[in-house]
C-alpha atoms as a PDB file:
ATOM      1  CA  MET A   1      -0.100  -0.013  -0.015  1.00  0.00           C
ATOM      2  CA  THR A   2       1.540   3.284  -1.094  1.00  0.00           C
ATOM      3  CA  ASP A   3       1.996   6.326   1.483  1.00  0.00           C
ATOM      4  CA  LYS A   4      -0.991   8.114  -0.027  1.00  0.00           C
ATOM      5  CA  ALA A   5      -3.379   5.193   0.387  1.00  0.00           C
ATOM      6  CA  GLU A   6      -2.300   4.389   3.999  1.00  0.00           C
ATOM      7  CA  GLN A   7      -3.402   7.962   4.715  1.00  0.00           C
ATOM      8  CA  GLY A   8      -6.441   7.487   2.848  1.00  0.00           C
ATOM      9  CA  SER A   9      -6.840   4.525   5.026  1.00  0.00           C
ATOM     10  CA  LYS A  10      -5.911   5.781   7.857  1.00  0.00           C
ATOM     11  CA  VAL A  11      -8.528   9.430   7.773  1.00  0.00           C
ATOM     12  CA  ASP A  12     -11.451   7.024   6.456  1.00  0.00           C
ATOM     13  CA  GLU A  13     -11.674   5.297   9.377  1.00  0.00           C
ATOM     14  CA  LEU A  14     -11.372   8.770  11.753  1.00  0.00           C
ATOM     15  CA  LEU A  15     -14.456   9.637   9.446  1.00  0.00           C
ATOM     16  CA  ARG A  16     -16.186   6.291  10.691  1.00  0.00           C
ATOM     17  CA  ARG A  17     -15.073   6.759  14.438  1.00  0.00           C
ATOM     18  CA  THR A  18     -15.850  11.021  14.235  1.00  0.00           C
ATOM     19  CA  ARG A  19     -19.216  12.686  15.493  1.00  0.00           C
ATOM     20  CA  VAL A  20     -20.685  15.083  14.089  1.00  0.00           C
ATOM     21  CA  GLU A  21     -22.097  18.185  16.182  1.00  0.00           C
ATOM     22  CA  VAL A  22     -24.278  21.130  15.440  1.00  0.00           C
ATOM     23  CA  ALA A  23     -24.103  23.593  18.024  1.00  0.00           C
ATOM     24  CA  THR A  24     -27.442  25.473  18.760  1.00  0.00           C
ATOM     25  CA  GLY A  25     -26.492  28.854  18.533  1.00  0.00           C
ATOM     26  CA  ILE A  26     -27.004  31.038  15.231  1.00  0.00           C
ATOM     27  CA  TYR A  27     -23.311  32.094  14.869  1.00  0.00           C
ATOM     28  CA  CYS A  28     -21.651  35.659  12.938  1.00  0.00           C
ATOM     29  CA  LEU A  29     -18.627  36.105  11.467  1.00  0.00           C
ATOM     30  CA  VAL A  30     -17.065  39.428  11.964  1.00  0.00           C
ATOM     31  CA  GLY A  31     -14.800  41.614  10.919  1.00  0.00           C
ATOM     32  CA  MET A  32     -13.613  44.445  12.690  1.00  0.00           C
ATOM     33  CA  ARG A  33     -10.813  47.283  12.652  1.00  0.00           C
ATOM     34  CA  HIS A  34      -8.260  47.136  15.234  1.00  0.00           C
ATOM     35  CA  GLU A  35      -9.567  50.320  17.064  1.00  0.00           C
ATOM     36  CA  ASP A  36     -13.216  48.901  17.227  1.00  0.00           C
ATOM     37  CA  TRP A  37     -12.007  45.976  18.780  1.00  0.00           C
ATOM     38  CA  THR A  38      -9.771  47.879  21.244  1.00  0.00           C
ATOM     39  CA  ARG A  39     -13.108  50.015  22.260  1.00  0.00           C
ATOM     40  CA  VAL A  40     -14.964  46.273  22.415  1.00  0.00           C
ATOM     41  CA  LEU A  41     -12.069  45.334  25.276  1.00  0.00           C
ATOM     42  CA  GLU A  42     -12.860  48.526  26.728  1.00  0.00           C
ATOM     43  CA  ASN A  43     -16.282  47.629  28.124  1.00  0.00           C
ATOM     44  CA  PRO A  44     -16.567  44.155  29.725  1.00  0.00           C
ATOM     45  CA  GLU A  45     -20.390  44.462  29.214  1.00  0.00           C
ATOM     46  CA  LEU A  46     -19.346  43.736  25.575  1.00  0.00           C
ATOM     47  CA  SER A  47     -17.889  40.548  26.155  1.00  0.00           C
ATOM     48  CA  PRO A  48     -19.578  37.153  24.853  1.00  0.00           C
ATOM     49  CA  ARG A  49     -21.306  35.588  27.804  1.00  0.00           C
ATOM     50  CA  ARG A  50     -19.386  33.124  29.800  1.00  0.00           C
ATOM     51  CA  ASP A  51     -20.686  29.985  28.566  1.00  0.00           C
ATOM     52  CA  ALA A  52     -21.682  30.883  24.933  1.00  0.00           C
ATOM     53  CA  SER A  53     -19.087  28.880  22.586  1.00  0.00           C
ATOM     54  CA  PHE A  54     -16.600  32.093  20.083  1.00  0.00           C
ATOM     55  CA  MET A  55     -13.691  31.862  18.579  1.00  0.00           C
ATOM     56  CA  LEU A  56     -11.036  35.464  17.891  1.00  0.00           C
ATOM     57  CA  LEU A  57      -8.155  35.764  15.842  1.00  0.00           C
ATOM     58  CA  ARG A  58      -6.340  38.857  15.688  1.00  0.00           C
ATOM     59  CA  ASP A  59      -3.782  39.732  12.789  1.00  0.00           C
ATOM     60  CA  LYS A  60      -1.673  42.672  10.830  1.00  0.00           C
ATOM     61  CA  HIS A  61      -4.827  43.478   8.746  1.00  0.00           C
ATOM     62  CA  GLU A  62      -7.977  43.237  11.232  1.00  0.00           C
ATOM     63  CA  VAL A  63      -9.929  41.450  14.368  1.00  0.00           C
ATOM     64  CA  THR A  64     -12.078  38.065  13.341  1.00  0.00           C
ATOM     65  CA  LEU A  65     -15.293  36.831  16.071  1.00  0.00           C
ATOM     66  CA  LEU A  66     -17.143  34.176  15.513  1.00  0.00           C
ATOM     67  CA  LEU A  67     -19.809  34.374  17.856  1.00  0.00           C
ATOM     68  CA  GLU A  68     -23.708  33.884  18.332  1.00  0.00           C
ATOM     69  CA  GLU A  69     -25.707  36.642  17.026  1.00  0.00           C
ATOM     70  CA  GLU A  70     -27.117  37.569  20.623  1.00  0.00           C
ATOM     71  CA  ASP A  71     -23.607  38.332  21.797  1.00  0.00           C
ATOM     72  CA  TRP A  72     -22.853  40.244  18.506  1.00  0.00           C
ATOM     73  CA  GLN A  73     -26.199  42.446  19.025  1.00  0.00           C
ATOM     74  CA  ALA A  74     -24.884  42.924  22.477  1.00  0.00           C
ATOM     75  CA  MET A  75     -21.874  44.360  20.803  1.00  0.00           C
ATOM     76  CA  ARG A  76     -22.379  45.849  17.215  1.00  0.00           C
ATOM     77  CA  TYR A  77     -22.594  49.490  18.439  1.00  0.00           C
ATOM     78  CA  ALA A  78     -19.418  49.607  19.319  1.00  0.00           C
ATOM     79  CA  ALA A  79     -17.795  47.989  16.447  1.00  0.00           C
ATOM     80  CA  ARG A  80     -20.307  49.844  13.531  1.00  0.00           C
ATOM     81  CA  ASP A  81     -17.812  49.461  10.816  1.00  0.00           C
ATOM     82  CA  ALA A  82     -17.825  46.122  11.161  1.00  0.00           C
ATOM     83  CA  ARG A  83     -18.383  43.680   8.437  1.00  0.00           C
ATOM     84  CA  VAL A  84     -20.650  41.075   9.272  1.00  0.00           C
ATOM     85  CA  GLU A  85     -21.839  37.587   7.793  1.00  0.00           C
ATOM     86  CA  LYS A  86     -24.830  36.098   9.843  1.00  0.00           C
ATOM     87  CA  ASP A  87     -27.097  33.128   9.592  1.00  0.00           C
ATOM     88  CA  PHE A  88     -23.784  30.506  10.367  1.00  0.00           C
ATOM     89  CA  ARG A  89     -23.964  27.237  12.047  1.00  0.00           C
ATOM     90  CA  LEU A  90     -21.062  25.697  13.934  1.00  0.00           C
ATOM     91  CA  VAL A  91     -20.491  22.261  13.118  1.00  0.00           C
ATOM     92  CA  THR A  92     -17.726  20.356  15.435  1.00  0.00           C
ATOM     93  CA  PHE A  93     -16.059  17.287  14.318  1.00  0.00           C
ATOM     94  CA  ASP A  94     -15.849  15.405  18.083  1.00  0.00           C
ATOM     95  CA  ILE A  95     -12.833  13.361  17.450  1.00  0.00           C
ATOM     96  CA  GLU A  96      -9.532  14.333  19.022  1.00  0.00           C
ATOM     97  CA  LEU A  97      -7.108  14.505  16.047  1.00  0.00           C
ATOM     98  CA  GLU A  98      -3.219  14.182  16.928  1.00  0.00           C
ATOM     99  CA  TRP A  99      -1.349  16.464  14.997  1.00  0.00           C
ATOM    100  CA  ASP A 100       0.144  14.079  12.164  1.00  0.00           C
ATOM    101  CA  VAL A 101      -2.926  13.315  10.771  1.00  0.00           C
ATOM    102  CA  VAL A 102      -2.812  14.255   6.855  1.00  0.00           C
ATOM    103  CA  GLY A 103      -6.043  15.039   4.946  1.00  0.00           C
ATOM    104  CA  TYR A 104      -9.077  14.611   7.517  1.00  0.00           C
ATOM    105  CA  LEU A 105     -10.259  18.051   6.643  1.00  0.00           C
ATOM    106  CA  ARG A 106      -9.077  17.882   2.812  1.00  0.00           C
ATOM    107  CA  ARG A 107     -11.054  14.854   2.931  1.00  0.00           C
ATOM    108  CA  VAL A 108     -14.204  16.375   4.903  1.00  0.00           C
ATOM    109  CA  THR A 109     -14.249  19.274   2.860  1.00  0.00           C
ATOM    110  CA  GLU A 110     -14.141  17.128  -0.451  1.00  0.00           C
ATOM    111  CA  ILE A 111     -17.442  15.051   0.854  1.00  0.00           C
ATOM    112  CA  LEU A 112     -18.956  18.111   1.386  1.00  0.00           C
ATOM    113  CA  ALA A 113     -17.316  20.250  -2.284  1.00  0.00           C
ATOM    114  CA  GLU A 114     -19.213  17.277  -3.783  1.00  0.00           C
ATOM    115  CA  ALA A 115     -22.727  18.741  -2.157  1.00  0.00           C
ATOM    116  CA  ASN A 116     -21.961  21.698  -3.835  1.00  0.00           C
ATOM    117  CA  VAL A 117     -21.460  23.096   0.291  1.00  0.00           C
ATOM    118  CA  PRO A 118     -19.975  25.783   0.776  1.00  0.00           C
ATOM    119  CA  VAL A 119     -18.051  26.055   4.425  1.00  0.00           C
ATOM    120  CA  GLY A 120     -15.633  27.883   6.508  1.00  0.00           C
ATOM    121  CA  ALA A 121     -12.598  26.138   8.293  1.00  0.00           C
ATOM    122  CA  LEU A 122     -11.579  26.226  11.816  1.00  0.00           C
ATOM    123  CA  SER A 123      -9.227  24.188  13.632  1.00  0.00           C
ATOM    124  CA  ALA A 124      -9.125  24.096  17.901  1.00  0.00           C
ATOM    125  CA  PHE A 125      -6.097  22.629  19.580  1.00  0.00           C
ATOM    126  CA  SER A 126      -7.433  18.849  18.993  1.00  0.00           C
ATOM    127  CA  ARG A 127     -10.900  19.410  17.126  1.00  0.00           C
ATOM    128  CA  ASP A 128     -11.914  21.119  14.079  1.00  0.00           C
ATOM    129  CA  HIS A 129     -14.981  22.690  13.051  1.00  0.00           C
ATOM    130  CA  LEU A 130     -16.935  24.330   9.909  1.00  0.00           C
ATOM    131  CA  LEU A 131     -19.175  27.087   9.894  1.00  0.00           C
ATOM    132  CA  ILE A 132     -22.070  26.350   7.109  1.00  0.00           C
ATOM    133  CA  LYS A 133     -24.573  28.610   6.294  1.00  0.00           C
ATOM    134  CA  GLN A 134     -28.442  27.994   7.773  1.00  0.00           C
ATOM    135  CA  ASP A 135     -29.826  26.878   4.242  1.00  0.00           C
ATOM    136  CA  ASN A 136     -27.033  24.283   3.204  1.00  0.00           C
ATOM    137  CA  LEU A 137     -27.216  22.401   7.077  1.00  0.00           C
ATOM    138  CA  ALA A 138     -29.443  19.855   6.049  1.00  0.00           C
ATOM    139  CA  GLY A 139     -27.462  18.894   2.769  1.00  0.00           C
ATOM    140  CA  ALA A 140     -24.585  19.100   4.717  1.00  0.00           C
ATOM    141  CA  LEU A 141     -25.563  16.358   6.652  1.00  0.00           C
ATOM    142  CA  ARG A 142     -26.609  14.365   4.339  1.00  0.00           C
ATOM    143  CA  ALA A 143     -23.520  14.105   2.646  1.00  0.00           C
ATOM    144  CA  LEU A 144     -21.904  13.532   5.772  1.00  0.00           C
ATOM    145  CA  GLY A 145     -23.733  10.875   7.206  1.00  0.00           C
ATOM    146  CA  ARG A 146     -22.589   8.119   5.051  1.00  0.00           C
ATOM    147  CA  HIS A 147     -18.822   8.908   6.465  1.00  0.00           C
ATOM    148  CA  VAL A 148     -19.330   9.305  10.335  1.00  0.00           C
ATOM    149  CA  ALA A 149     -20.536   7.759  12.845  1.00  0.00           C
ATOM    150  CA  GLU A 150     -22.973   9.945  14.460  1.00  0.00           C
ATOM    151  CA  LEU A 151     -24.752  12.750  13.638  1.00  0.00           C
ATOM    152  CA  CYS A 152     -26.062  14.790  16.230  1.00  0.00           C
END
């Protein structure tokens, strides 16, 4: 068996053990200027709820937040110029992946591309996540269902 075939086999086995979970909330992806992010930080009451899932990435170009719509509504006045994409569902691939795994996310996105489902990919320390628009969620779950252990 070639290295590529072995990797594909390993990825397929990982997928067969994966639980796919869909978060209950509706999410927004927000891009804002650094100045707006500073204003948000100066007002702790604008922070996302303690028990809510969110993600933050600050690079030299902008600050990107992924948060539930409810939390965005609470802070949006502090970032009036922010760019916002709404109506995302957060889909989590509940399997801990080691950092030497090659091709897992490629295979997942390949399955979804074949079903014509656009996605945004996010990686946490040990799990991968996708942002999928609410309108595309059912098609995504149908496509993934044949490849994973469980849809939750």
